[in-house]
């Protein structure tokens, strides 16, 4: 079970395929494979480097849009490249 430190969830275990998929694709409205949003965000930060390598050029994982860019509406957009260019991140 992940330890909690100063009120922040900590995830240090290897992610399951379902957890990876949730952080990459984030299909809203489905039951989560994480206990709560804090655990999901902790998993994102712990596994960020590996997960950032997976999407094709011009795209970011859904968790990046949620937790770093704070623009969740772009998480599953097919035209992420346009927004990334606007942000200077192309």
Protein backbone atom coordinates (compact mmCIF):
# COMPACT_ATOMS: atom_id res chain seq x y z
CA UNK A 1 0.00 0.00 0.00
CA UNK A 2 1.47 3.41 -0.92
CA UNK A 3 2.62 5.47 2.04
CA UNK A 4 1.20 8.94 2.61
CA UNK A 5 3.50 11.81 3.45
CA UNK A 6 2.32 15.24 4.58
CA UNK A 7 -1.12 14.68 3.08
CA UNK A 8 0.21 13.82 -0.39
CA UNK A 9 -0.35 10.39 -1.90
CA UNK A 10 2.83 8.56 -2.85
CA UNK A 11 2.91 5.88 -5.53
CA UNK A 12 6.15 4.00 -5.95
CA UNK A 13 4.95 0.64 -7.27
CA UNK A 14 5.09 -0.34 -10.91
CA UNK A 15 1.85 0.55 -12.65
CA UNK A 16 -0.50 -2.04 -14.04
CA UNK A 17 -1.38 -1.88 -17.72
CA UNK A 18 -4.77 -0.45 -16.75
CA UNK A 19 -3.16 2.29 -14.63
CA UNK A 20 -0.76 3.16 -17.47
CA UNK A 21 -3.68 3.35 -19.88
CA UNK A 22 -5.65 5.58 -17.52
CA UNK A 23 -2.78 8.07 -17.24
CA UNK A 24 -2.16 8.02 -20.99
CA UNK A 25 -5.72 8.06 -22.34
CA UNK A 26 -7.96 8.98 -19.37
CA UNK A 27 -11.36 7.84 -20.47
CA UNK A 28 -13.59 9.92 -18.21
CA UNK A 29 -16.74 8.48 -16.77
CA UNK A 30 -15.24 5.05 -16.18
CA UNK A 31 -14.30 3.70 -12.76
CA UNK A 32 -10.70 4.57 -11.91
CA UNK A 33 -7.96 2.04 -11.27
CA UNK A 34 -6.63 4.38 -8.57
CA UNK A 35 -8.15 4.93 -5.11
CA UNK A 36 -8.63 8.64 -5.74
CA UNK A 37 -7.36 11.60 -7.72
CA UNK A 38 -4.47 12.19 -5.30
CA UNK A 39 -3.17 8.66 -5.90
CA UNK A 40 -3.57 9.11 -9.68
CA UNK A 41 -1.63 12.38 -9.59
CA UNK A 42 1.12 10.84 -7.44
CA UNK A 43 1.40 7.97 -9.92
CA UNK A 44 1.69 10.48 -12.75
CA UNK A 45 4.53 12.36 -11.10
CA UNK A 46 6.38 9.17 -10.16
CA UNK A 47 6.10 7.60 -13.63
CA UNK A 48 6.05 10.82 -15.69
CA UNK A 49 9.39 10.41 -17.44
CA UNK A 50 8.53 6.97 -18.85
CA UNK A 51 4.96 7.93 -19.76
CA UNK A 52 6.04 11.09 -21.61
CA UNK A 53 8.03 8.93 -24.04
CA UNK A 54 5.00 6.93 -25.18
CA UNK A 55 2.70 9.29 -27.14
CA UNK A 56 3.57 10.16 -30.75
CA UNK A 57 5.09 13.52 -31.65
CA UNK A 58 2.58 16.34 -31.23
CA UNK A 59 0.74 14.68 -28.34
CA UNK A 60 1.00 14.44 -24.57
CA UNK A 61 -0.45 11.92 -22.10
CA UNK A 62 -3.85 12.82 -20.71
CA UNK A 63 -2.39 13.14 -17.20
CA UNK A 64 0.01 15.83 -18.45
CA UNK A 65 -2.96 17.91 -19.61
CA UNK A 66 -4.72 17.37 -16.28
CA UNK A 67 -1.90 17.83 -13.77
CA UNK A 68 0.73 19.97 -15.46
CA UNK A 69 -1.00 22.09 -18.08
CA UNK A 70 -4.32 22.20 -16.18
CA UNK A 71 -6.22 22.04 -19.47
CA UNK A 72 -8.05 18.71 -19.19
CA UNK A 73 -10.26 19.53 -22.16
CA UNK A 74 -7.23 18.80 -24.39
CA UNK A 75 -6.52 15.38 -22.86
CA UNK A 76 -8.22 13.40 -25.62
CA UNK A 77 -8.24 16.00 -28.36
CA UNK A 78 -7.13 14.79 -31.76
CA UNK A 79 -5.48 18.14 -32.47
CA UNK A 80 -3.19 18.41 -29.44
CA UNK A 81 -0.36 19.47 -31.77
CA UNK A 82 -2.17 22.75 -32.48
CA UNK A 83 -2.44 23.60 -28.78
CA UNK A 84 1.15 22.51 -28.11
CA UNK A 85 2.31 24.84 -30.88
CA UNK A 86 0.31 27.70 -29.33
CA UNK A 87 2.07 26.95 -26.03
CA UNK A 88 5.48 26.88 -27.73
CA UNK A 89 5.89 23.19 -26.89
CA UNK A 90 5.81 21.67 -30.37
